[in-house]
């Protein structure tokens, strides 16, 4: 494993640590030691919380206090994102909000010139994933029509509505209620749209 004391993020902002283990039997000690060595001012934790959960109280609290110039520090990438899509959207949100990110084990530090490329890579991946969902949806409808399958009544939201709504919530932190209001639909309708498109849950 890399020396988790490096790279030390130098941004002028605060260093906020986050640690997570999935089961109550697992220990946070290794992560906490690494985050303390990285001189994090505050450390938030989720103990016994699966990475698959849409809401993680410790992570939610950490995200709520981050300000431009701050850096979120984790020991490993998989401690942060519950999936690659979630991780991509979260890093895109950090970039949009002027927040830096450091993963000690992988040597990722977006406060460095080379590390800034990480944001662009993950933003491109997030967009690629949405493009694939859009294309698969369109092709699926076209294939169903060719087979003579009756499509039925149109949904309240188009696939583009759904994808853009999800992006605004996950990458810009806009509340789901506000996004639903812009589309003149209920939050439940929007959530069903996310499920239909196979997108990550939001809260």
N, C-alpha and C. Protein backbone atom coordinates (compact mmCIF):
# COMPACT_ATOMS: atom_id res chain seq x y z
N UNK A 1 0.85 -1.20 0.00
CA UNK A 1 0.00 0.00 0.00
C UNK A 1 0.88 1.24 0.00
N UNK A 2 0.39 2.29 -0.60
CA UNK A 2 1.12 3.55 -0.62
C UNK A 2 1.28 4.10 0.79
N UNK A 3 2.25 5.00 0.95
CA UNK A 3 2.36 5.75 2.19
C UNK A 3 1.19 6.70 2.26
N UNK A 4 0.24 6.43 3.16
CA UNK A 4 -1.00 7.20 3.18
C UNK A 4 -0.83 8.58 3.79
N UNK A 5 0.41 8.93 4.16
CA UNK A 5 0.65 10.30 4.59
C UNK A 5 0.77 11.25 3.40
N UNK A 6 0.89 10.68 2.23
CA UNK A 6 1.03 11.48 1.01
C UNK A 6 -0.04 11.05 0.00
N UNK A 7 -0.47 11.94 -0.90
CA UNK A 7 -0.08 13.33 -0.99
C UNK A 7 -0.87 14.19 -0.01
N UNK A 8 -0.24 15.14 0.60
CA UNK A 8 -0.94 16.06 1.49
C UNK A 8 -1.59 17.15 0.66
N UNK A 9 -2.91 17.30 0.73
CA UNK A 9 -3.59 18.30 -0.07
C UNK A 9 -3.35 19.70 0.46
N UNK A 10 -2.82 20.59 -0.35
CA UNK A 10 -2.59 21.97 0.03
C UNK A 10 -3.50 22.86 -0.80
N UNK A 11 -4.54 23.40 -0.20
CA UNK A 11 -5.51 24.18 -0.96
C UNK A 11 -5.82 25.53 -0.32
N UNK A 12 -5.39 25.73 0.90
CA UNK A 12 -5.77 26.95 1.62
C UNK A 12 -7.08 26.78 2.37
N UNK A 13 -7.83 25.71 2.04
CA UNK A 13 -9.09 25.43 2.72
C UNK A 13 -8.91 24.37 3.78
N UNK A 14 -10.01 23.93 4.34
CA UNK A 14 -9.97 22.90 5.38
C UNK A 14 -9.83 21.52 4.77
N UNK A 15 -9.25 20.61 5.54
CA UNK A 15 -9.19 19.21 5.15
C UNK A 15 -10.23 18.46 5.98
N UNK A 16 -11.23 17.92 5.28
CA UNK A 16 -12.33 17.21 5.93
C UNK A 16 -12.22 15.73 5.57
N UNK A 17 -12.13 14.88 6.58
CA UNK A 17 -11.97 13.46 6.33
C UNK A 17 -13.29 12.72 6.35
N UNK A 18 -13.34 11.59 5.63
CA UNK A 18 -14.51 10.72 5.66
C UNK A 18 -14.05 9.27 5.66
N UNK A 19 -14.64 8.48 6.56
CA UNK A 19 -14.32 7.05 6.67
C UNK A 19 -15.60 6.25 6.72
N UNK A 20 -15.56 5.04 6.16
CA UNK A 20 -16.75 4.18 6.16
C UNK A 20 -16.36 2.72 6.18
N UNK A 21 -17.10 1.93 6.95
CA UNK A 21 -17.05 0.47 6.85
C UNK A 21 -18.48 -0.04 6.72
N UNK A 22 -18.63 -1.19 6.08
CA UNK A 22 -19.96 -1.67 5.72
C UNK A 22 -20.68 -2.42 6.84
N UNK A 23 -19.94 -3.06 7.73
CA UNK A 23 -20.58 -3.86 8.77
C UNK A 23 -20.09 -3.42 10.15
N UNK A 24 -20.91 -3.64 11.18
CA UNK A 24 -20.52 -3.25 12.54
C UNK A 24 -19.26 -3.95 13.02
N UNK A 25 -18.96 -5.14 12.47
CA UNK A 25 -17.79 -5.90 12.92
C UNK A 25 -16.48 -5.30 12.40
N UNK A 26 -16.54 -4.56 11.31
CA UNK A 26 -15.34 -3.98 10.74
C UNK A 26 -14.88 -2.77 11.56
N UNK A 27 -13.59 -2.51 11.51
CA UNK A 27 -13.01 -1.42 12.28
C UNK A 27 -12.65 -0.24 11.37
N UNK A 28 -12.77 0.95 11.95
CA UNK A 28 -12.43 2.17 11.24
C UNK A 28 -11.01 2.64 11.53
N UNK A 29 -10.29 1.91 12.39
CA UNK A 29 -9.01 2.39 12.90
C UNK A 29 -8.01 2.78 11.81
N UNK A 30 -7.84 1.93 10.80
CA UNK A 30 -6.86 2.20 9.75
C UNK A 30 -7.20 3.48 9.00
N UNK A 31 -8.48 3.63 8.67
CA UNK A 31 -8.89 4.83 7.95
C UNK A 31 -8.72 6.07 8.81
N UNK A 32 -9.12 5.99 10.08
CA UNK A 32 -9.02 7.14 10.97
C UNK A 32 -7.57 7.55 11.19
N UNK A 33 -6.68 6.56 11.34
CA UNK A 33 -5.25 6.87 11.52
C UNK A 33 -4.70 7.60 10.30
N UNK A 34 -5.10 7.14 9.10
CA UNK A 34 -4.60 7.76 7.87
C UNK A 34 -5.14 9.19 7.73
N UNK A 35 -6.39 9.39 8.09
CA UNK A 35 -6.99 10.71 7.96
C UNK A 35 -6.41 11.69 8.98
N UNK A 36 -6.10 11.18 10.17
CA UNK A 36 -5.45 12.03 11.17
C UNK A 36 -4.04 12.39 10.73
N UNK A 37 -3.33 11.42 10.11
CA UNK A 37 -1.99 11.69 9.61
C UNK A 37 -2.03 12.72 8.48
N UNK A 38 -3.13 12.77 7.75
CA UNK A 38 -3.29 13.76 6.69
C UNK A 38 -3.73 15.11 7.24
N UNK A 39 -3.81 15.20 8.56
CA UNK A 39 -4.13 16.43 9.28
C UNK A 39 -5.52 16.98 8.94
N UNK A 40 -6.49 16.07 8.90
CA UNK A 40 -7.87 16.50 8.67
C UNK A 40 -8.38 17.22 9.92
N UNK A 41 -9.04 18.33 9.72
CA UNK A 41 -9.56 19.11 10.83
C UNK A 41 -10.78 18.44 11.47
N UNK A 42 -11.60 17.85 10.64
CA UNK A 42 -12.76 17.11 11.12
C UNK A 42 -12.85 15.81 10.34
N UNK A 43 -13.33 14.78 11.00
CA UNK A 43 -13.49 13.48 10.35
C UNK A 43 -14.91 12.99 10.59
N UNK A 44 -15.61 12.69 9.51
CA UNK A 44 -16.96 12.14 9.59
C UNK A 44 -16.87 10.66 9.26
N UNK A 45 -17.78 9.89 9.83
CA UNK A 45 -17.69 8.45 9.65
C UNK A 45 -19.08 7.81 9.53
N UNK A 46 -19.11 6.71 8.83
CA UNK A 46 -20.29 5.84 8.76
C UNK A 46 -19.82 4.45 9.16
N UNK A 47 -20.30 3.97 10.29
CA UNK A 47 -19.88 2.66 10.81
C UNK A 47 -21.03 1.68 10.63
N UNK A 48 -20.78 0.63 9.85
CA UNK A 48 -21.82 -0.36 9.60
C UNK A 48 -22.85 0.12 8.60
N UNK A 49 -22.44 0.96 7.67
CA UNK A 49 -23.34 1.49 6.64
C UNK A 49 -22.86 1.04 5.28
N UNK A 50 -23.69 0.28 4.58
CA UNK A 50 -23.32 -0.25 3.27
C UNK A 50 -23.11 0.88 2.27
N UNK A 51 -22.15 0.68 1.37
CA UNK A 51 -21.93 1.65 0.30
C UNK A 51 -23.09 1.73 -0.65
N UNK A 52 -23.99 0.74 -0.61
CA UNK A 52 -25.13 0.75 -1.52
C UNK A 52 -26.29 1.60 -1.06
N UNK A 53 -26.24 2.10 0.16
CA UNK A 53 -27.35 2.91 0.67
C UNK A 53 -27.35 4.28 0.01
N UNK A 54 -28.57 4.76 -0.31
CA UNK A 54 -28.68 6.07 -0.97
C UNK A 54 -28.26 7.18 -0.03
N UNK A 55 -28.55 7.03 1.26
CA UNK A 55 -28.21 8.07 2.22
C UNK A 55 -27.28 7.50 3.28
N UNK A 56 -26.16 8.17 3.48
CA UNK A 56 -25.23 7.79 4.52
C UNK A 56 -25.06 9.01 5.42
N UNK A 57 -25.53 8.94 6.66
CA UNK A 57 -25.55 10.11 7.54
C UNK A 57 -24.21 10.82 7.67
N UNK A 58 -23.13 10.04 7.85
CA UNK A 58 -21.82 10.66 8.00
C UNK A 58 -21.38 11.40 6.76
N UNK A 59 -21.56 10.78 5.60
CA UNK A 59 -21.20 11.42 4.34
C UNK A 59 -22.07 12.64 4.10
N UNK A 60 -23.36 12.52 4.39
CA UNK A 60 -24.25 13.66 4.19
C UNK A 60 -23.81 14.85 5.04
N UNK A 61 -23.39 14.60 6.27
CA UNK A 61 -22.93 15.69 7.13
C UNK A 61 -21.65 16.30 6.60
N UNK A 62 -20.75 15.44 6.12
CA UNK A 62 -19.49 15.95 5.56
C UNK A 62 -19.76 16.85 4.35
N UNK A 63 -20.63 16.39 3.46
CA UNK A 63 -20.94 17.16 2.26
C UNK A 63 -21.60 18.49 2.61
N UNK A 64 -22.38 18.50 3.70
CA UNK A 64 -23.13 19.70 4.04
C UNK A 64 -22.24 20.84 4.53
N UNK A 65 -21.02 20.53 5.01
CA UNK A 65 -20.16 21.58 5.53
C UNK A 65 -19.05 21.99 4.57
N UNK A 66 -18.88 21.27 3.47
CA UNK A 66 -17.80 21.58 2.53
C UNK A 66 -18.05 22.91 1.84
N UNK A 67 -16.99 23.71 1.75
CA UNK A 67 -17.06 25.01 1.09
C UNK A 67 -15.98 25.08 0.01
N UNK A 68 -16.12 26.01 -0.94
CA UNK A 68 -15.08 26.15 -1.97
C UNK A 68 -13.69 26.29 -1.36
N UNK A 69 -12.75 25.54 -1.89
CA UNK A 69 -11.39 25.55 -1.37
C UNK A 69 -11.11 24.43 -0.38
N UNK A 70 -12.16 23.85 0.21
CA UNK A 70 -11.98 22.72 1.11
C UNK A 70 -11.60 21.48 0.31
N UNK A 71 -11.07 20.49 1.00
CA UNK A 71 -10.76 19.22 0.34
C UNK A 71 -11.34 18.09 1.18
N UNK A 72 -12.04 17.17 0.52
CA UNK A 72 -12.55 15.97 1.18
C UNK A 72 -11.50 14.88 1.02
N UNK A 73 -11.10 14.27 2.12
CA UNK A 73 -10.04 13.27 2.11
C UNK A 73 -10.59 11.91 2.52
N UNK A 74 -10.27 10.88 1.74
CA UNK A 74 -10.63 9.51 2.09
C UNK A 74 -9.38 8.65 1.96
N UNK A 75 -9.40 7.49 2.60
CA UNK A 75 -8.27 6.58 2.45
C UNK A 75 -8.27 5.94 1.07
N UNK A 76 -9.46 5.45 0.64
CA UNK A 76 -9.58 4.80 -0.66
C UNK A 76 -10.85 5.27 -1.36
N UNK A 77 -10.81 5.22 -2.69
CA UNK A 77 -11.96 5.66 -3.48
C UNK A 77 -13.24 4.93 -3.13
N UNK A 78 -13.13 3.63 -2.86
CA UNK A 78 -14.36 2.85 -2.63
C UNK A 78 -15.04 3.20 -1.30
N UNK A 79 -14.38 4.01 -0.46
CA UNK A 79 -15.03 4.45 0.77
C UNK A 79 -16.04 5.56 0.49
N UNK A 80 -15.90 6.22 -0.65
CA UNK A 80 -16.74 7.37 -0.94
C UNK A 80 -17.96 7.03 -1.78
N UNK A 81 -17.75 6.47 -2.96
CA UNK A 81 -18.86 6.22 -3.88
C UNK A 81 -19.48 4.86 -3.70
N UNK A 82 -20.81 4.79 -3.75
CA UNK A 82 -21.49 3.50 -3.62
C UNK A 82 -21.48 2.75 -4.95
N UNK A 83 -21.14 3.45 -6.04
CA UNK A 83 -20.99 2.85 -7.35
C UNK A 83 -20.12 3.80 -8.17
N UNK A 84 -19.69 3.34 -9.33
CA UNK A 84 -18.87 4.22 -10.16
C UNK A 84 -19.68 5.41 -10.65
N UNK A 85 -20.96 5.19 -10.92
CA UNK A 85 -21.81 6.31 -11.34
C UNK A 85 -21.94 7.35 -10.23
N UNK A 86 -22.17 6.87 -9.00
CA UNK A 86 -22.29 7.78 -7.86
C UNK A 86 -20.99 8.54 -7.65
N UNK A 87 -19.87 7.85 -7.73
CA UNK A 87 -18.57 8.49 -7.55
C UNK A 87 -18.33 9.54 -8.63
N UNK A 88 -18.67 9.21 -9.88
CA UNK A 88 -18.48 10.15 -10.99
C UNK A 88 -19.31 11.41 -10.78
N UNK A 89 -20.57 11.23 -10.40
CA UNK A 89 -21.44 12.39 -10.18
C UNK A 89 -20.97 13.22 -8.99
N UNK A 90 -20.49 12.55 -7.95
CA UNK A 90 -20.05 13.26 -6.76
C UNK A 90 -18.80 14.10 -7.06
N UNK A 91 -17.87 13.54 -7.81
CA UNK A 91 -16.67 14.30 -8.16
C UNK A 91 -17.00 15.44 -9.12
N UNK A 92 -17.98 15.23 -9.99
CA UNK A 92 -18.42 16.32 -10.86
C UNK A 92 -19.02 17.44 -10.02
N UNK A 93 -19.76 17.08 -8.98
CA UNK A 93 -20.32 18.08 -8.08
C UNK A 93 -19.22 18.85 -7.36
N UNK A 94 -18.19 18.15 -6.88
CA UNK A 94 -17.07 18.82 -6.23
C UNK A 94 -16.44 19.85 -7.17
N UNK A 95 -16.23 19.43 -8.40
CA UNK A 95 -15.62 20.34 -9.39
C UNK A 95 -16.49 21.57 -9.60
N UNK A 96 -17.79 21.36 -9.71
CA UNK A 96 -18.72 22.48 -9.92
C UNK A 96 -18.73 23.44 -8.73
N UNK A 97 -18.49 22.91 -7.53
CA UNK A 97 -18.58 23.72 -6.32
C UNK A 97 -17.21 24.20 -5.82
N UNK A 98 -16.15 23.92 -6.58
CA UNK A 98 -14.83 24.39 -6.19
C UNK A 98 -14.24 23.66 -5.00
N UNK A 99 -14.66 22.40 -4.81
CA UNK A 99 -14.17 21.57 -3.71
C UNK A 99 -13.14 20.59 -4.25
N UNK A 100 -12.08 20.38 -3.51
CA UNK A 100 -11.04 19.44 -3.93
C UNK A 100 -11.28 18.07 -3.30
N UNK A 101 -10.58 17.08 -3.84
CA UNK A 101 -10.74 15.71 -3.38
C UNK A 101 -9.39 15.04 -3.33
N UNK A 102 -9.17 14.25 -2.28
CA UNK A 102 -7.91 13.52 -2.13
C UNK A 102 -8.20 12.09 -1.67
N UNK A 103 -7.70 11.13 -2.43
CA UNK A 103 -7.77 9.72 -2.03
C UNK A 103 -6.34 9.26 -1.78
N UNK A 104 -6.03 8.96 -0.53
CA UNK A 104 -4.66 8.73 -0.12
C UNK A 104 -4.04 7.49 -0.75
N UNK A 105 -4.75 6.38 -0.72
CA UNK A 105 -4.18 5.11 -1.20
C UNK A 105 -3.89 5.16 -2.69
N UNK A 106 -4.77 5.81 -3.46
CA UNK A 106 -4.58 5.89 -4.91
C UNK A 106 -3.70 7.07 -5.33
N UNK A 107 -3.33 7.92 -4.37
CA UNK A 107 -2.48 9.06 -4.71
C UNK A 107 -3.19 10.12 -5.53
N UNK A 108 -4.50 10.24 -5.37
CA UNK A 108 -5.27 11.24 -6.10
C UNK A 108 -5.37 12.52 -5.28
N UNK A 109 -5.03 13.63 -5.88
CA UNK A 109 -5.11 14.92 -5.20
C UNK A 109 -5.46 15.97 -6.24
N UNK A 110 -6.72 16.39 -6.28
CA UNK A 110 -7.17 17.32 -7.32
C UNK A 110 -6.66 18.74 -7.09
N UNK A 111 -5.98 18.97 -5.96
CA UNK A 111 -5.40 20.29 -5.72
C UNK A 111 -4.11 20.48 -6.49
N UNK A 112 -3.57 19.40 -7.06
CA UNK A 112 -2.34 19.49 -7.85
C UNK A 112 -2.70 19.64 -9.32
N UNK A 113 -1.78 20.21 -10.13
CA UNK A 113 -2.06 20.37 -11.55
C UNK A 113 -2.43 19.05 -12.23
N UNK A 114 -1.68 17.98 -11.94
CA UNK A 114 -1.98 16.69 -12.55
C UNK A 114 -3.28 16.10 -12.04
N UNK A 115 -3.59 16.37 -10.77
CA UNK A 115 -4.79 15.81 -10.18
C UNK A 115 -6.07 16.40 -10.73
N UNK A 116 -5.98 17.62 -11.29
CA UNK A 116 -7.17 18.25 -11.85
C UNK A 116 -7.76 17.44 -13.00
N UNK A 117 -6.91 16.65 -13.67
CA UNK A 117 -7.39 15.82 -14.77
C UNK A 117 -8.42 14.80 -14.28
N UNK A 118 -8.33 14.41 -13.01
CA UNK A 118 -9.26 13.43 -12.45
C UNK A 118 -10.70 13.90 -12.61
N UNK A 119 -10.94 15.18 -12.35
CA UNK A 119 -12.29 15.72 -12.48
C UNK A 119 -12.80 15.57 -13.90
N UNK A 120 -11.97 15.88 -14.85
CA UNK A 120 -12.40 15.80 -16.26
C UNK A 120 -12.70 14.36 -16.67
N UNK A 121 -11.89 13.45 -16.18
CA UNK A 121 -12.10 12.03 -16.50
C UNK A 121 -13.42 11.54 -15.93
N UNK A 122 -13.66 11.82 -14.66
CA UNK A 122 -14.89 11.34 -14.03
C UNK A 122 -16.12 12.05 -14.59
N UNK A 123 -16.00 13.34 -14.94
CA UNK A 123 -17.12 14.04 -15.56
C UNK A 123 -17.46 13.43 -16.91
N UNK A 124 -16.42 13.06 -17.67
CA UNK A 124 -16.64 12.42 -18.97
C UNK A 124 -17.31 11.06 -18.81
N UNK A 125 -16.90 10.32 -17.78
CA UNK A 125 -17.51 9.01 -17.52
C UNK A 125 -18.98 9.16 -17.16
N UNK A 126 -19.29 10.15 -16.31
CA UNK A 126 -20.68 10.38 -15.92
C UNK A 126 -21.54 10.70 -17.14
N UNK A 127 -21.01 11.53 -18.04
CA UNK A 127 -21.75 11.89 -19.25
C UNK A 127 -21.90 10.69 -20.18
N UNK A 128 -20.85 9.88 -20.26
CA UNK A 128 -20.89 8.68 -21.10
C UNK A 128 -21.97 7.72 -20.60
N UNK A 129 -22.06 7.55 -19.29
CA UNK A 129 -23.07 6.66 -18.73
C UNK A 129 -24.47 7.12 -19.08
N UNK A 130 -24.71 8.43 -19.01
CA UNK A 130 -26.03 8.95 -19.36
C UNK A 130 -26.31 8.82 -20.85
N UNK A 131 -25.30 9.02 -21.65
CA UNK A 131 -25.47 8.84 -23.10
C UNK A 131 -25.85 7.40 -23.43
N UNK A 132 -25.24 6.45 -22.72
CA UNK A 132 -25.55 5.05 -22.96
C UNK A 132 -26.98 4.73 -22.55
N UNK A 133 -27.43 5.28 -21.43
CA UNK A 133 -28.81 5.07 -20.99
C UNK A 133 -29.77 5.64 -22.02
N UNK A 134 -29.48 6.84 -22.50
CA UNK A 134 -30.34 7.49 -23.50
C UNK A 134 -30.41 6.65 -24.78
N UNK A 135 -29.26 6.21 -25.25
CA UNK A 135 -29.22 5.43 -26.49
C UNK A 135 -29.93 4.09 -26.33
N UNK A 136 -29.70 3.41 -25.21
CA UNK A 136 -30.34 2.12 -25.00
C UNK A 136 -31.86 2.25 -24.89
N UNK A 137 -32.32 3.35 -24.29
CA UNK A 137 -33.75 3.58 -24.18
C UNK A 137 -34.38 3.79 -25.55
N UNK A 138 -33.75 4.63 -26.36
CA UNK A 138 -34.27 4.91 -27.71
C UNK A 138 -34.27 3.64 -28.55
N UNK A 139 -33.17 2.89 -28.49
CA UNK A 139 -33.08 1.66 -29.28
C UNK A 139 -34.08 0.61 -28.80
N UNK A 140 -34.31 0.58 -27.49
CA UNK A 140 -35.27 -0.38 -26.94
C UNK A 140 -36.68 -0.10 -27.42
N UNK A 141 -37.07 1.18 -27.46
CA UNK A 141 -38.40 1.56 -27.94
C UNK A 141 -38.55 1.24 -29.41
N UNK A 142 -37.49 1.56 -30.19
CA UNK A 142 -37.54 1.29 -31.62
C UNK A 142 -37.66 -0.21 -31.90
N UNK A 143 -36.93 -1.01 -31.14
CA UNK A 143 -36.98 -2.47 -31.33
C UNK A 143 -38.36 -3.01 -30.98
N UNK A 144 -38.96 -2.46 -29.92
CA UNK A 144 -40.30 -2.91 -29.51
C UNK A 144 -41.32 -2.59 -30.59
N UNK A 145 -41.20 -1.41 -31.20
CA UNK A 145 -42.13 -1.03 -32.26
C UNK A 145 -41.97 -1.93 -33.49
N UNK A 146 -40.73 -2.29 -33.81
CA UNK A 146 -40.49 -3.17 -34.94
C UNK A 146 -41.11 -4.54 -34.72
N UNK A 147 -41.16 -4.97 -33.48
CA UNK A 147 -41.76 -6.27 -33.16
C UNK A 147 -43.28 -6.17 -33.08
N UNK A 148 -43.80 -4.95 -33.26
CA UNK A 148 -45.24 -4.76 -33.23
C UNK A 148 -45.80 -4.65 -31.83
N UNK A 149 -44.92 -4.44 -30.86
CA UNK A 149 -45.38 -4.33 -29.48
C UNK A 149 -46.03 -2.97 -29.26
N UNK A 150 -47.16 -2.97 -28.57
CA UNK A 150 -47.87 -1.74 -28.29
C UNK A 150 -47.13 -1.01 -27.15
N UNK A 151 -46.74 0.22 -27.43
CA UNK A 151 -45.94 0.98 -26.47
C UNK A 151 -46.78 1.49 -25.31
N UNK A 152 -48.03 1.84 -25.56
CA UNK A 152 -48.89 2.35 -24.50
C UNK A 152 -48.79 3.85 -24.36
N UNK A 153 -49.39 4.36 -23.32
CA UNK A 153 -49.41 5.80 -23.10
C UNK A 153 -47.99 6.31 -22.82
N UNK A 154 -47.68 7.50 -23.31
CA UNK A 154 -46.35 8.05 -23.04
C UNK A 154 -46.17 8.38 -21.56
N UNK A 155 -44.95 8.27 -21.10
CA UNK A 155 -44.65 8.61 -19.71
C UNK A 155 -44.72 10.12 -19.52
N UNK A 156 -44.87 10.52 -18.26
CA UNK A 156 -44.95 11.95 -17.95
C UNK A 156 -43.63 12.65 -18.23
N UNK A 157 -42.53 11.91 -18.14
CA UNK A 157 -41.21 12.48 -18.35
C UNK A 157 -40.48 11.75 -19.48
N UNK A 158 -39.82 12.51 -20.33
CA UNK A 158 -39.00 11.90 -21.38
C UNK A 158 -37.69 11.43 -20.76
N UNK A 159 -36.96 10.61 -21.49
CA UNK A 159 -35.67 10.14 -20.99
C UNK A 159 -34.72 11.30 -20.80
N UNK A 160 -34.80 12.33 -21.65
CA UNK A 160 -33.93 13.50 -21.48
C UNK A 160 -34.29 14.28 -20.22
N UNK A 161 -35.59 14.38 -19.94
CA UNK A 161 -36.03 15.03 -18.69
C UNK A 161 -35.43 14.31 -17.48
N UNK A 162 -35.50 13.00 -17.53
CA UNK A 162 -35.03 12.18 -16.41
C UNK A 162 -33.52 12.31 -16.23
N UNK A 163 -32.78 12.20 -17.32
CA UNK A 163 -31.33 12.25 -17.23
C UNK A 163 -30.84 13.62 -16.76
N UNK A 164 -31.43 14.68 -17.30
CA UNK A 164 -31.02 16.02 -16.90
C UNK A 164 -31.40 16.31 -15.46
N UNK A 165 -32.56 15.81 -15.03
CA UNK A 165 -32.98 16.01 -13.64
C UNK A 165 -32.01 15.32 -12.69
N UNK A 166 -31.64 14.11 -13.03
CA UNK A 166 -30.71 13.36 -12.20
C UNK A 166 -29.35 14.07 -12.13
N UNK A 167 -28.90 14.60 -13.25
CA UNK A 167 -27.61 15.30 -13.29
C UNK A 167 -27.65 16.56 -12.42
N UNK A 168 -28.75 17.31 -12.48
CA UNK A 168 -28.85 18.53 -11.69
C UNK A 168 -28.87 18.23 -10.19
N UNK A 169 -29.48 17.13 -9.81
CA UNK A 169 -29.53 16.76 -8.39
C UNK A 169 -28.17 16.27 -7.91
N UNK A 170 -27.56 15.37 -8.67
CA UNK A 170 -26.33 14.73 -8.21
C UNK A 170 -25.08 15.57 -8.44
N UNK A 171 -25.05 16.37 -9.50
CA UNK A 171 -23.84 17.13 -9.82
C UNK A 171 -23.90 18.58 -9.36
N UNK A 172 -25.10 19.10 -9.13
CA UNK A 172 -25.22 20.50 -8.72
C UNK A 172 -25.89 20.65 -7.35
N UNK A 173 -26.31 19.52 -6.77
CA UNK A 173 -26.88 19.56 -5.43
C UNK A 173 -28.23 20.24 -5.33
N UNK A 174 -28.97 20.33 -6.44
CA UNK A 174 -30.29 20.95 -6.41
C UNK A 174 -31.28 19.98 -5.77
N UNK A 175 -32.08 20.43 -4.82
CA UNK A 175 -33.03 19.52 -4.14
C UNK A 175 -34.00 18.88 -5.13
N UNK A 176 -34.34 17.62 -4.86
CA UNK A 176 -35.22 16.90 -5.76
C UNK A 176 -36.58 17.58 -5.89
N UNK A 177 -37.07 18.17 -4.79
CA UNK A 177 -38.36 18.85 -4.85
C UNK A 177 -38.34 20.03 -5.80
N UNK A 178 -37.23 20.76 -5.82
CA UNK A 178 -37.10 21.90 -6.72
C UNK A 178 -37.05 21.44 -8.18
N UNK A 179 -36.32 20.38 -8.43
CA UNK A 179 -36.22 19.85 -9.80
C UNK A 179 -37.57 19.34 -10.27
N UNK A 180 -38.28 18.62 -9.39
CA UNK A 180 -39.61 18.11 -9.76
C UNK A 180 -40.56 19.27 -10.04
N UNK A 181 -40.47 20.33 -9.24
CA UNK A 181 -41.34 21.49 -9.46
C UNK A 181 -41.11 22.15 -10.80
N UNK A 182 -39.87 22.19 -11.24
CA UNK A 182 -39.55 22.78 -12.54
C UNK A 182 -40.22 22.01 -13.67
N UNK A 183 -40.36 20.70 -13.46
CA UNK A 183 -40.98 19.84 -14.48
C UNK A 183 -42.48 19.68 -14.27
N UNK A 184 -42.99 20.28 -13.20
CA UNK A 184 -44.41 20.20 -12.88
C UNK A 184 -44.86 18.77 -12.65
N UNK A 185 -44.03 17.99 -11.94
CA UNK A 185 -44.39 16.63 -11.56
C UNK A 185 -44.08 16.46 -10.07
N UNK A 186 -44.57 15.37 -9.50
CA UNK A 186 -44.29 15.10 -8.09
C UNK A 186 -42.91 14.47 -7.94
N UNK A 187 -42.40 14.50 -6.71
CA UNK A 187 -41.13 13.84 -6.44
C UNK A 187 -41.23 12.34 -6.72
N UNK A 188 -42.38 11.75 -6.40
CA UNK A 188 -42.58 10.32 -6.62
C UNK A 188 -42.48 9.97 -8.10
N UNK A 189 -43.07 10.85 -8.95
CA UNK A 189 -43.00 10.62 -10.39
C UNK A 189 -41.56 10.68 -10.88
N UNK A 190 -40.81 11.65 -10.35
CA UNK A 190 -39.41 11.79 -10.75
C UNK A 190 -38.60 10.58 -10.29
N UNK A 191 -38.86 10.11 -9.08
CA UNK A 191 -38.14 8.94 -8.58
C UNK A 191 -38.45 7.70 -9.40
N UNK A 192 -39.72 7.57 -9.82
CA UNK A 192 -40.07 6.43 -10.68
C UNK A 192 -39.34 6.53 -12.01
N UNK A 193 -39.16 7.75 -12.50
CA UNK A 193 -38.41 7.94 -13.74
C UNK A 193 -36.97 7.50 -13.59
N UNK A 194 -36.35 7.84 -12.46
CA UNK A 194 -34.97 7.42 -12.22
C UNK A 194 -34.87 5.90 -12.19
N UNK A 195 -35.84 5.28 -11.53
CA UNK A 195 -35.84 3.81 -11.45
C UNK A 195 -36.01 3.20 -12.82
N UNK A 196 -36.93 3.77 -13.61
CA UNK A 196 -37.17 3.25 -14.96
C UNK A 196 -35.91 3.32 -15.83
N UNK A 197 -35.13 4.39 -15.62
CA UNK A 197 -33.91 4.57 -16.43
C UNK A 197 -32.71 3.81 -15.86
N UNK A 198 -32.89 3.20 -14.70
CA UNK A 198 -31.79 2.46 -14.08
C UNK A 198 -30.76 3.37 -13.46
N UNK A 199 -31.17 4.57 -13.05
CA UNK A 199 -30.24 5.54 -12.46
C UNK A 199 -30.12 5.32 -10.96
N UNK A 200 -29.03 5.84 -10.41
CA UNK A 200 -28.80 5.76 -8.97
C UNK A 200 -29.90 6.47 -8.20
N UNK A 201 -30.24 5.92 -7.05
CA UNK A 201 -31.21 6.58 -6.18
C UNK A 201 -30.67 7.90 -5.67
N UNK A 202 -31.55 8.85 -5.45
CA UNK A 202 -31.18 10.12 -4.83
C UNK A 202 -32.09 10.33 -3.64
N UNK A 203 -31.73 11.29 -2.81
CA UNK A 203 -32.57 11.57 -1.64
C UNK A 203 -32.56 13.07 -1.39
